[in-house]
PDB file of N, CA and C in Angstrom:
ATOM      1  N   GLN A   1     -44.814  20.175  50.522  1.00  0.00           N
ATOM      2  CA  GLN A   1     -43.549  20.547  49.955  1.00  0.00           C
ATOM      3  C   GLN A   1     -43.611  22.005  49.508  1.00  0.00           C
ATOM      4  N   ILE A   2     -42.653  22.776  49.945  1.00  0.00           N
ATOM      5  CA  ILE A   2     -42.597  24.196  49.603  1.00  0.00           C
ATOM      6  C   ILE A   2     -41.740  24.368  48.366  1.00  0.00           C
ATOM      7  N   THR A   3     -42.275  25.070  47.375  1.00  0.00           N
ATOM      8  CA  THR A   3     -41.498  25.398  46.200  1.00  0.00           C
ATOM      9  C   THR A   3     -41.101  26.857  46.272  1.00  0.00           C
ATOM     10  N   LEU A   4     -39.921  27.141  45.826  1.00  0.00           N
ATOM     11  CA  LEU A   4     -39.434  28.518  45.860  1.00  0.00           C
ATOM     12  C   LEU A   4     -40.096  29.324  44.770  1.00  0.00           C
ATOM     13  N   PRO A   5     -40.328  30.608  45.031  1.00  0.00           N
ATOM     14  CA  PRO A   5     -40.931  31.457  44.017  1.00  0.00           C
ATOM     15  C   PRO A   5     -39.922  31.765  42.925  1.00  0.00           C
ATOM     16  N   PRO A   6     -40.403  32.200  41.762  1.00  0.00           N
ATOM     17  CA  PRO A   6     -39.469  32.604  40.716  1.00  0.00           C
ATOM     18  C   PRO A   6     -38.731  33.866  41.141  1.00  0.00           C
ATOM     19  N   PRO A   7     -37.639  34.175  40.475  1.00  0.00           N
ATOM     20  CA  PRO A   7     -36.936  35.413  40.818  1.00  0.00           C
ATOM     21  C   PRO A   7     -37.866  36.613  40.655  1.00  0.00           C
ATOM     22  N   ARG A   8     -37.750  37.564  41.555  1.00  0.00           N
ATOM     23  CA  ARG A   8     -38.609  38.752  41.488  1.00  0.00           C
ATOM     24  C   ARG A   8     -38.270  39.571  40.254  1.00  0.00           C
ATOM     25  N   VAL A   9     -39.311  40.093  39.638  1.00  0.00           N
ATOM     26  CA  VAL A   9     -39.140  40.979  38.500  1.00  0.00           C
ATOM     27  C   VAL A   9     -38.754  42.336  39.049  1.00  0.00           C
ATOM     28  N   LYS A  10     -37.709  42.924  38.484  1.00  0.00           N
ATOM     29  CA  LYS A  10     -37.230  44.214  38.968  1.00  0.00           C
ATOM     30  C   LYS A  10     -38.301  45.287  38.761  1.00  0.00           C
ATOM     31  N   SER A  11     -38.667  45.950  39.862  1.00  0.00           N
ATOM     32  CA  SER A  11     -39.689  46.992  39.817  1.00  0.00           C
ATOM     33  C   SER A  11     -39.289  48.081  38.831  1.00  0.00           C
ATOM     34  N   GLY A  12     -40.238  48.499  38.020  1.00  0.00           N
ATOM     35  CA  GLY A  12     -39.990  49.562  37.056  1.00  0.00           C
ATOM     36  C   GLY A  12     -39.442  49.059  35.729  1.00  0.00           C
ATOM     37  N   SER A  13     -39.081  47.786  35.661  1.00  0.00           N
ATOM     38  CA  SER A  13     -38.572  47.231  34.412  1.00  0.00           C
ATOM     39  C   SER A  13     -39.724  47.009  33.432  1.00  0.00           C
ATOM     40  N   ALA A  14     -39.381  46.789  32.193  1.00  0.00           N
ATOM     41  CA  ALA A  14     -40.410  46.524  31.179  1.00  0.00           C
ATOM     42  C   ALA A  14     -41.190  45.262  31.541  1.00  0.00           C
ATOM     43  N   ALA A  15     -40.483  44.248  32.056  1.00  0.00           N
ATOM     44  CA  ALA A  15     -41.161  43.000  32.444  1.00  0.00           C
ATOM     45  C   ALA A  15     -42.123  43.239  33.602  1.00  0.00           C
ATOM     46  N   ALA A  16     -41.714  44.049  34.574  1.00  0.00           N
ATOM     47  CA  ALA A  16     -42.584  44.354  35.721  1.00  0.00           C
ATOM     48  C   ALA A  16     -43.806  45.136  35.272  1.00  0.00           C
ATOM     49  N   ASN A  17     -43.603  46.088  34.394  1.00  0.00           N
ATOM     50  CA  ASN A  17     -44.732  46.883  33.896  1.00  0.00           C
ATOM     51  C   ASN A  17     -45.701  46.014  33.096  1.00  0.00           C
ATOM     52  N   ARG A  18     -45.164  45.095  32.316  1.00  0.00           N
ATOM     53  CA  ARG A  18     -46.019  44.202  31.527  1.00  0.00           C
ATOM     54  C   ARG A  18     -46.795  43.267  32.449  1.00  0.00           C
ATOM     55  N   ARG A  19     -46.125  42.724  33.476  1.00  0.00           N
ATOM     56  CA  ARG A  19     -46.784  41.849  34.449  1.00  0.00           C
ATOM     57  C   ARG A  19     -47.914  42.604  35.149  1.00  0.00           C
ATOM     58  N   LYS A  20     -47.643  43.834  35.567  1.00  0.00           N
ATOM     59  CA  LYS A  20     -48.653  44.660  36.238  1.00  0.00           C
ATOM     60  C   LYS A  20     -49.865  44.860  35.325  1.00  0.00           C
ATOM     61  N   GLU A  21     -49.607  45.151  34.069  1.00  0.00           N
ATOM     62  CA  GLU A  21     -50.685  45.368  33.103  1.00  0.00           C
ATOM     63  C   GLU A  21     -51.518  44.099  32.905  1.00  0.00           C
ATOM     64  N   LEU A  22     -50.852  42.961  32.747  1.00  0.00           N
ATOM     65  CA  LEU A  22     -51.564  41.702  32.507  1.00  0.00           C
ATOM     66  C   LEU A  22     -52.361  41.252  33.730  1.00  0.00           C
ATOM     67  N   ILE A  23     -51.790  41.411  34.915  1.00  0.00           N
ATOM     68  CA  ILE A  23     -52.512  41.031  36.136  1.00  0.00           C
ATOM     69  C   ILE A  23     -53.688  41.968  36.361  1.00  0.00           C
ATOM     70  N   GLY A  24     -53.482  43.254  36.151  1.00  0.00           N
ATOM     71  CA  GLY A  24     -54.582  44.205  36.269  1.00  0.00           C
ATOM     72  C   GLY A  24     -55.734  43.837  35.352  1.00  0.00           C
ATOM     73  N   LYS A  25     -55.414  43.454  34.117  1.00  0.00           N
ATOM     74  CA  LYS A  25     -56.442  43.060  33.149  1.00  0.00           C
ATOM     75  C   LYS A  25     -57.154  41.784  33.603  1.00  0.00           C
ATOM     76  N   ALA A  26     -56.413  40.813  34.102  1.00  0.00           N
ATOM     77  CA  ALA A  26     -57.025  39.554  34.570  1.00  0.00           C
ATOM     78  C   ALA A  26     -57.993  39.815  35.720  1.00  0.00           C
ATOM     79  N   ILE A  27     -57.607  40.699  36.628  1.00  0.00           N
ATOM     80  CA  ILE A  27     -58.466  41.022  37.776  1.00  0.00           C
ATOM     81  C   ILE A  27     -59.679  41.833  37.329  1.00  0.00           C
ATOM     82  N   GLU A  28     -59.488  42.747  36.398  1.00  0.00           N
ATOM     83  CA  GLU A  28     -60.614  43.505  35.859  1.00  0.00           C
ATOM     84  C   GLU A  28     -61.606  42.570  35.153  1.00  0.00           C
ATOM     85  N   ASP A  29     -61.087  41.592  34.427  1.00  0.00           N
ATOM     86  CA  ASP A  29     -61.963  40.612  33.765  1.00  0.00           C
ATOM     87  C   ASP A  29     -62.757  39.809  34.790  1.00  0.00           C
ATOM     88  N   LEU A  30     -62.109  39.438  35.881  1.00  0.00           N
ATOM     89  CA  LEU A  30     -62.796  38.713  36.958  1.00  0.00           C
ATOM     90  C   LEU A  30     -63.914  39.571  37.545  1.00  0.00           C
ATOM     91  N   ALA A  31     -63.626  40.840  37.791  1.00  0.00           N
ATOM     92  CA  ALA A  31     -64.637  41.747  38.345  1.00  0.00           C
ATOM     93  C   ALA A  31     -65.824  41.867  37.395  1.00  0.00           C
ATOM     94  N   LEU A  32     -65.547  41.986  36.115  1.00  0.00           N
ATOM     95  CA  LEU A  32     -66.608  42.087  35.115  1.00  0.00           C
ATOM     96  C   LEU A  32     -67.446  40.806  35.079  1.00  0.00           C
ATOM     97  N   LYS A  33     -66.765  39.671  35.118  1.00  0.00           N
ATOM     98  CA  LYS A  33     -67.460  38.374  35.060  1.00  0.00           C
ATOM     99  C   LYS A  33     -68.421  38.189  36.228  1.00  0.00           C
ATOM    100  N   TYR A  34     -68.039  38.679  37.403  1.00  0.00           N
ATOM    101  CA  TYR A  34     -68.858  38.479  38.602  1.00  0.00           C
ATOM    102  C   TYR A  34     -69.582  39.745  39.052  1.00  0.00           C
ATOM    103  N   ASN A  35     -69.763  40.686  38.128  1.00  0.00           N
ATOM    104  CA  ASN A  35     -70.525  41.909  38.372  1.00  0.00           C
ATOM    105  C   ASN A  35     -70.039  42.714  39.568  1.00  0.00           C
ATOM    106  N   THR A  36     -68.725  42.741  39.774  1.00  0.00           N
ATOM    107  CA  THR A  36     -68.142  43.568  40.825  1.00  0.00           C
ATOM    108  C   THR A  36     -67.940  44.966  40.261  1.00  0.00           C
ATOM    109  N   SER A  37     -68.289  45.958  41.019  1.00  0.00           N
ATOM    110  CA  SER A  37     -68.125  47.330  40.576  1.00  0.00           C
ATOM    111  C   SER A  37     -66.661  47.626  40.269  1.00  0.00           C
ATOM    112  N   ASP A  38     -66.418  48.158  39.099  1.00  0.00           N
ATOM    113  CA  ASP A  38     -65.065  48.544  38.699  1.00  0.00           C
ATOM    114  C   ASP A  38     -64.495  49.582  39.666  1.00  0.00           C
ATOM    115  N   ALA A  39     -65.371  50.370  40.269  1.00  0.00           N
ATOM    116  CA  ALA A  39     -64.925  51.406  41.210  1.00  0.00           C
ATOM    117  C   ALA A  39     -64.205  50.794  42.406  1.00  0.00           C
ATOM    118  N   LEU A  40     -64.590  49.580  42.811  1.00  0.00           N
ATOM    119  CA  LEU A  40     -63.943  48.924  43.949  1.00  0.00           C
ATOM    120  C   LEU A  40     -62.474  48.605  43.660  1.00  0.00           C
ATOM    121  N   LEU A  41     -62.155  48.380  42.395  1.00  0.00           N
ATOM    122  CA  LEU A  41     -60.771  48.082  42.033  1.00  0.00           C
ATOM    123  C   LEU A  41     -59.872  49.312  42.151  1.00  0.00           C
ATOM    124  N   TRP A  42     -60.476  50.499  42.185  1.00  0.00           N
ATOM    125  CA  TRP A  42     -59.692  51.739  42.225  1.00  0.00           C
ATOM    126  C   TRP A  42     -59.867  52.522  43.521  1.00  0.00           C
ATOM    127  N   ASP A  43     -60.738  52.053  44.412  1.00  0.00           N
ATOM    128  CA  ASP A  43     -60.923  52.692  45.720  1.00  0.00           C
ATOM    129  C   ASP A  43     -59.822  52.190  46.651  1.00  0.00           C
ATOM    130  N   GLU A  44     -58.897  53.059  47.010  1.00  0.00           N
ATOM    131  CA  GLU A  44     -57.709  52.669  47.772  1.00  0.00           C
ATOM    132  C   GLU A  44     -58.019  52.072  49.145  1.00  0.00           C
ATOM    133  N   ARG A  45     -59.270  52.156  49.592  1.00  0.00           N
ATOM    134  CA  ARG A  45     -59.666  51.572  50.879  1.00  0.00           C
ATOM    135  C   ARG A  45     -60.361  50.235  50.732  1.00  0.00           C
ATOM    136  N   SER A  46     -60.682  49.846  49.509  1.00  0.00           N
ATOM    137  CA  SER A  46     -61.456  48.613  49.312  1.00  0.00           C
ATOM    138  C   SER A  46     -60.564  47.371  49.387  1.00  0.00           C
ATOM    139  N   PRO A  47     -61.113  46.268  49.861  1.00  0.00           N
ATOM    140  CA  PRO A  47     -60.366  45.006  49.880  1.00  0.00           C
ATOM    141  C   PRO A  47     -59.905  44.582  48.477  1.00  0.00           C
ATOM    142  N   GLN A  48     -60.720  44.880  47.472  1.00  0.00           N
ATOM    143  CA  GLN A  48     -60.370  44.512  46.098  1.00  0.00           C
ATOM    144  C   GLN A  48     -59.110  45.264  45.640  1.00  0.00           C
ATOM    145  N   TYR A  49     -59.058  46.555  45.958  1.00  0.00           N
ATOM    146  CA  TYR A  49     -57.883  47.351  45.593  1.00  0.00           C
ATOM    147  C   TYR A  49     -56.647  46.872  46.354  1.00  0.00           C
ATOM    148  N   LEU A  50     -56.804  46.644  47.658  1.00  0.00           N
ATOM    149  CA  LEU A  50     -55.668  46.217  48.477  1.00  0.00           C
ATOM    150  C   LEU A  50     -55.128  44.862  48.015  1.00  0.00           C
ATOM    151  N   ALA A  51     -56.033  43.941  47.668  1.00  0.00           N
ATOM    152  CA  ALA A  51     -55.610  42.632  47.185  1.00  0.00           C
ATOM    153  C   ALA A  51     -54.907  42.754  45.832  1.00  0.00           C
ATOM    154  N   ARG A  52     -55.458  43.582  44.971  1.00  0.00           N
ATOM    155  CA  ARG A  52     -54.838  43.807  43.653  1.00  0.00           C
ATOM    156  C   ARG A  52     -53.440  44.393  43.818  1.00  0.00           C
ATOM    157  N   ARG A  53     -53.323  45.378  44.678  1.00  0.00           N
ATOM    158  CA  ARG A  53     -52.021  46.008  44.922  1.00  0.00           C
ATOM    159  C   ARG A  53     -51.030  44.985  45.482  1.00  0.00           C
ATOM    160  N   TRP A  54     -51.490  44.137  46.419  1.00  0.00           N
ATOM    161  CA  TRP A  54     -50.618  43.137  47.005  1.00  0.00           C
ATOM    162  C   TRP A  54     -50.127  42.146  45.945  1.00  0.00           C
ATOM    163  N   ILE A  55     -51.054  41.639  45.118  1.00  0.00           N
ATOM    164  CA  ILE A  55     -50.688  40.674  44.070  1.00  0.00           C
ATOM    165  C   ILE A  55     -49.637  41.283  43.137  1.00  0.00           C
ATOM    166  N   ILE A  56     -49.842  42.520  42.746  1.00  0.00           N
ATOM    167  CA  ILE A  56     -48.949  43.149  41.775  1.00  0.00           C
ATOM    168  C   ILE A  56     -47.608  43.537  42.390  1.00  0.00           C
ATOM    169  N   HIS A  57     -47.608  44.107  43.577  1.00  0.00           N
ATOM    170  CA  HIS A  57     -46.386  44.712  44.118  1.00  0.00           C
ATOM    171  C   HIS A  57     -45.697  43.927  45.232  1.00  0.00           C
ATOM    172  N   ASP A  58     -46.447  43.211  46.045  1.00  0.00           N
ATOM    173  CA  ASP A  58     -45.864  42.652  47.267  1.00  0.00           C
ATOM    174  C   ASP A  58     -45.838  41.136  47.348  1.00  0.00           C
ATOM    175  N   ASP A  59     -46.595  40.451  46.522  1.00  0.00           N
ATOM    176  CA  ASP A  59     -46.650  38.991  46.602  1.00  0.00           C
ATOM    177  C   ASP A  59     -45.306  38.413  46.183  1.00  0.00           C
ATOM    178  N   ILE A  60     -44.609  37.841  47.135  1.00  0.00           N
ATOM    179  CA  ILE A  60     -43.282  37.301  46.868  1.00  0.00           C
ATOM    180  C   ILE A  60     -43.325  36.139  45.873  1.00  0.00           C
ATOM    181  N   ARG A  61     -44.462  35.509  45.742  1.00  0.00           N
ATOM    182  CA  ARG A  61     -44.598  34.375  44.828  1.00  0.00           C
ATOM    183  C   ARG A  61     -44.561  34.814  43.366  1.00  0.00           C
ATOM    184  N   GLN A  62     -44.923  36.062  43.098  1.00  0.00           N
ATOM    185  CA  GLN A  62     -44.853  36.614  41.738  1.00  0.00           C
ATOM    186  C   GLN A  62     -45.560  35.721  40.714  1.00  0.00           C
ATOM    187  N   VAL A  63     -46.806  35.361  41.021  1.00  0.00           N
ATOM    188  CA  VAL A  63     -47.595  34.522  40.122  1.00  0.00           C
ATOM    189  C   VAL A  63     -47.806  35.268  38.804  1.00  0.00           C
ATOM    190  N   ALA A  64     -47.625  34.559  37.706  1.00  0.00           N
ATOM    191  CA  ALA A  64     -47.807  35.156  36.384  1.00  0.00           C
ATOM    192  C   ALA A  64     -49.284  35.415  36.119  1.00  0.00           C
ATOM    193  N   ALA A  65     -49.542  36.350  35.238  1.00  0.00           N
ATOM    194  CA  ALA A  65     -50.921  36.740  34.929  1.00  0.00           C
ATOM    195  C   ALA A  65     -51.727  35.588  34.335  1.00  0.00           C
ATOM    196  N   ASP A  66     -51.073  34.671  33.656  1.00  0.00           N
ATOM    197  CA  ASP A  66     -51.794  33.552  33.043  1.00  0.00           C
ATOM    198  C   ASP A  66     -51.743  32.279  33.892  1.00  0.00           C
ATOM    199  N   HIS A  67     -51.226  32.389  35.106  1.00  0.00           N
ATOM    200  CA  HIS A  67     -51.147  31.225  35.991  1.00  0.00           C
ATOM    201  C   HIS A  67     -52.550  30.890  36.499  1.00  0.00           C
ATOM    202  N   PRO A  68     -52.914  29.601  36.507  1.00  0.00           N
ATOM    203  CA  PRO A  68     -54.270  29.229  36.924  1.00  0.00           C
ATOM    204  C   PRO A  68     -54.619  29.614  38.368  1.00  0.00           C
ATOM    205  N   LEU A  69     -53.623  29.805  39.216  1.00  0.00           N
ATOM    206  CA  LEU A  69     -53.907  30.142  40.615  1.00  0.00           C
ATOM    207  C   LEU A  69     -53.942  31.643  40.894  1.00  0.00           C
ATOM    208  N   LEU A  70     -53.687  32.459  39.895  1.00  0.00           N
ATOM    209  CA  LEU A  70     -53.678  33.912  40.128  1.00  0.00           C
ATOM    210  C   LEU A  70     -54.998  34.384  40.723  1.00  0.00           C
ATOM    211  N   LEU A  71     -56.104  34.020  40.108  1.00  0.00           N
ATOM    212  CA  LEU A  71     -57.397  34.533  40.569  1.00  0.00           C
ATOM    213  C   LEU A  71     -57.773  33.947  41.923  1.00  0.00           C
ATOM    214  N   GLN A  72     -57.410  32.691  42.172  1.00  0.00           N
ATOM    215  CA  GLN A  72     -57.665  32.098  43.490  1.00  0.00           C
ATOM    216  C   GLN A  72     -56.875  32.854  44.554  1.00  0.00           C
ATOM    217  N   ARG A  73     -55.630  33.168  44.251  1.00  0.00           N
ATOM    218  CA  ARG A  73     -54.776  33.895  45.187  1.00  0.00           C
ATOM    219  C   ARG A  73     -55.344  35.291  45.445  1.00  0.00           C
ATOM    220  N   TYR A  74     -55.818  35.931  44.379  1.00  0.00           N
ATOM    221  CA  TYR A  74     -56.429  37.258  44.498  1.00  0.00           C
ATOM    222  C   TYR A  74     -57.685  37.206  45.372  1.00  0.00           C
ATOM    223  N   VAL A  75     -58.560  36.234  45.125  1.00  0.00           N
ATOM    224  CA  VAL A  75     -59.808  36.120  45.892  1.00  0.00           C
ATOM    225  C   VAL A  75     -59.506  35.889  47.370  1.00  0.00           C
ATOM    226  N   MET A  76     -58.517  35.065  47.666  1.00  0.00           N
ATOM    227  CA  MET A  76     -58.144  34.827  49.061  1.00  0.00           C
ATOM    228  C   MET A  76     -57.581  36.096  49.701  1.00  0.00           C
ATOM    229  N   ALA A  77     -56.856  36.894  48.941  1.00  0.00           N
ATOM    230  CA  ALA A  77     -56.346  38.164  49.466  1.00  0.00           C
ATOM    231  C   ALA A  77     -57.500  39.137  49.709  1.00  0.00           C
ATOM    232  N   VAL A  78     -58.507  39.138  48.825  1.00  0.00           N
ATOM    233  CA  VAL A  78     -59.698  39.976  49.053  1.00  0.00           C
ATOM    234  C   VAL A  78     -60.372  39.557  50.355  1.00  0.00           C
ATOM    235  N   LEU A  79     -60.506  38.259  50.576  1.00  0.00           N
ATOM    236  CA  LEU A  79     -61.095  37.760  51.822  1.00  0.00           C
ATOM    237  C   LEU A  79     -60.293  38.257  53.028  1.00  0.00           C
ATOM    238  N   TYR A  80     -58.992  38.129  52.950  1.00  0.00           N
ATOM    239  CA  TYR A  80     -58.101  38.579  54.033  1.00  0.00           C
ATOM    240  C   TYR A  80     -58.339  40.062  54.353  1.00  0.00           C
ATOM    241  N   TYR A  81     -58.323  40.907  53.336  1.00  0.00           N
ATOM    242  CA  TYR A  81     -58.512  42.342  53.571  1.00  0.00           C
ATOM    243  C   TYR A  81     -59.949  42.667  53.973  1.00  0.00           C
ATOM    244  N   SER A  82     -60.919  41.899  53.481  1.00  0.00           N
ATOM    245  CA  SER A  82     -62.323  42.122  53.842  1.00  0.00           C
ATOM    246  C   SER A  82     -62.576  41.893  55.327  1.00  0.00           C
ATOM    247  N   MET A  83     -61.773  41.015  55.919  1.00  0.00           N
ATOM    248  CA  MET A  83     -61.949  40.680  57.330  1.00  0.00           C
ATOM    249  C   MET A  83     -60.922  41.395  58.209  1.00  0.00           C
ATOM    250  N   ASN A  84     -60.409  42.525  57.713  1.00  0.00           N
ATOM    251  CA  ASN A  84     -59.418  43.329  58.444  1.00  0.00           C
ATOM    252  C   ASN A  84     -58.178  42.537  58.825  1.00  0.00           C
ATOM    253  N   GLY A  85     -57.805  41.605  57.963  1.00  0.00           N
ATOM    254  CA  GLY A  85     -56.638  40.788  58.237  1.00  0.00           C
ATOM    255  C   GLY A  85     -55.368  41.590  58.416  1.00  0.00           C
ATOM    256  N   ASP A  86     -55.276  42.712  57.721  1.00  0.00           N
ATOM    257  CA  ASP A  86     -54.060  43.509  57.809  1.00  0.00           C
ATOM    258  C   ASP A  86     -53.907  44.202  59.159  1.00  0.00           C
ATOM    259  N   SER A  87     -54.968  44.273  59.942  1.00  0.00           N
ATOM    260  CA  SER A  87     -54.838  44.913  61.254  1.00  0.00           C
ATOM    261  C   SER A  87     -55.267  44.006  62.409  1.00  0.00           C
ATOM    262  N   ASP A  88     -56.166  43.063  62.161  1.00  0.00           N
ATOM    263  CA  ASP A  88     -56.713  42.246  63.239  1.00  0.00           C
ATOM    264  C   ASP A  88     -56.070  40.866  63.370  1.00  0.00           C
ATOM    265  N   TRP A  89     -55.346  40.421  62.377  1.00  0.00           N
ATOM    266  CA  TRP A  89     -54.800  39.073  62.381  1.00  0.00           C
ATOM    267  C   TRP A  89     -53.286  39.106  62.542  1.00  0.00           C
ATOM    268  N   ASP A  90     -52.757  38.040  63.070  1.00  0.00           N
ATOM    269  CA  ASP A  90     -51.311  37.853  63.062  1.00  0.00           C
ATOM    270  C   ASP A  90     -50.997  36.990  61.846  1.00  0.00           C
ATOM    271  N   ALA A  91     -50.861  37.645  60.705  1.00  0.00           N
ATOM    272  CA  ALA A  91     -50.691  36.934  59.433  1.00  0.00           C
ATOM    273  C   ALA A  91     -49.444  36.062  59.424  1.00  0.00           C
ATOM    274  N   THR A  92     -48.428  36.442  60.165  1.00  0.00           N
ATOM    275  CA  THR A  92     -47.203  35.641  60.169  1.00  0.00           C
ATOM    276  C   THR A  92     -47.430  34.301  60.850  1.00  0.00           C
ATOM    277  N   GLN A  93     -48.367  34.238  61.783  1.00  0.00           N
ATOM    278  CA  GLN A  93     -48.674  32.976  62.454  1.00  0.00           C
ATOM    279  C   GLN A  93     -49.580  32.089  61.604  1.00  0.00           C
ATOM    280  N   MET A  94     -50.364  32.689  60.739  1.00  0.00           N
ATOM    281  CA  MET A  94     -51.323  31.928  59.947  1.00  0.00           C
ATOM    282  C   MET A  94     -50.917  31.821  58.481  1.00  0.00           C
ATOM    283  N   PHE A  95     -49.826  32.433  58.108  1.00  0.00           N
ATOM    284  CA  PHE A  95     -49.255  32.363  56.763  1.00  0.00           C
ATOM    285  C   PHE A  95     -50.082  33.034  55.672  1.00  0.00           C
ATOM    286  N   TRP A  96     -51.055  33.871  56.042  1.00  0.00           N
ATOM    287  CA  TRP A  96     -51.819  34.605  55.036  1.00  0.00           C
ATOM    288  C   TRP A  96     -50.881  35.554  54.296  1.00  0.00           C
ATOM    289  N   LEU A  97     -51.109  35.676  53.020  1.00  0.00           N
ATOM    290  CA  LEU A  97     -50.327  36.526  52.132  1.00  0.00           C
ATOM    291  C   LEU A  97     -48.845  36.156  52.157  1.00  0.00           C
ATOM    292  N   SER A  98     -48.576  34.880  52.327  1.00  0.00           N
ATOM    293  CA  SER A  98     -47.195  34.404  52.300  1.00  0.00           C
ATOM    294  C   SER A  98     -46.904  33.793  50.931  1.00  0.00           C
ATOM    295  N   MET A  99     -45.668  33.334  50.742  1.00  0.00           N
ATOM    296  CA  MET A  99     -45.307  32.693  49.483  1.00  0.00           C
ATOM    297  C   MET A  99     -45.914  31.302  49.340  1.00  0.00           C
ATOM    298  N   LEU A 100     -46.459  30.768  50.432  1.00  0.00           N
ATOM    299  CA  LEU A 100     -47.061  29.439  50.377  1.00  0.00           C
ATOM    300  C   LEU A 100     -48.268  29.418  49.445  1.00  0.00           C
ATOM    301  N   HIS A 101     -48.602  28.228  48.993  1.00  0.00           N
ATOM    302  CA  HIS A 101     -49.840  28.068  48.233  1.00  0.00           C
ATOM    303  C   HIS A 101     -50.978  28.546  49.126  1.00  0.00           C
ATOM    304  N   GLU A 102     -51.943  29.216  48.554  1.00  0.00           N
ATOM    305  CA  GLU A 102     -53.020  29.807  49.357  1.00  0.00           C
ATOM    306  C   GLU A 102     -53.821  28.771  50.145  1.00  0.00           C
ATOM    307  N   CYS A 103     -53.848  27.514  49.733  1.00  0.00           N
ATOM    308  CA  CYS A 103     -54.518  26.474  50.510  1.00  0.00           C
ATOM    309  C   CYS A 103     -53.767  26.172  51.808  1.00  0.00           C
ATOM    310  N   ASP A 104     -52.520  26.584  51.887  1.00  0.00           N
ATOM    311  CA  ASP A 104     -51.740  26.382  53.101  1.00  0.00           C
ATOM    312  C   ASP A 104     -51.809  27.580  54.055  1.00  0.00           C
ATOM    313  N   TRP A 105     -52.493  28.630  53.649  1.00  0.00           N
ATOM    314  CA  TRP A 105     -52.697  29.763  54.543  1.00  0.00           C
ATOM    315  C   TRP A 105     -53.700  29.282  55.587  1.00  0.00           C
ATOM    316  N   LEU A 106     -53.333  29.302  56.817  1.00  0.00           N
ATOM    317  CA  LEU A 106     -54.190  28.849  57.915  1.00  0.00           C
ATOM    318  C   LEU A 106     -54.758  27.454  57.642  1.00  0.00           C
ATOM    319  N   GLU A 107     -53.981  26.648  56.971  1.00  0.00           N
ATOM    320  CA  GLU A 107     -54.362  25.258  56.704  1.00  0.00           C
ATOM    321  C   GLU A 107     -55.778  25.154  56.129  1.00  0.00           C
ATOM    322  N   LEU A 108     -55.995  25.817  55.019  1.00  0.00           N
ATOM    323  CA  LEU A 108     -57.328  25.885  54.406  1.00  0.00           C
ATOM    324  C   LEU A 108     -57.712  24.664  53.588  1.00  0.00           C
ATOM    325  N   ASP A 109     -56.928  23.616  53.627  1.00  0.00           N
ATOM    326  CA  ASP A 109     -57.274  22.441  52.831  1.00  0.00           C
ATOM    327  C   ASP A 109     -58.493  21.808  53.443  1.00  0.00           C
TER     328      ASP A 109
END
């Protein structure tokens, strides 16, 4: 069953800026917990940066910073970018980085 995402937060609004800040902090905490270099979060070519940017700006699902699936969604996006998914895969056929639950991306259940 597909659930619709919440309404998108208007870019540049106070709510969008707060969401960006909270998600950035959650991802930074994850990196710290698993000894990931903080530099990877700011290197515009790294999978970690690309996944973070996608979660904050492009993920149509607009998962909240305190949502239990935020970090799972982020990790799956890191995997996608780590394997050159943005250039080597037909993401529309496999539903990667879609509004679907990440377990439904390429039927990962």
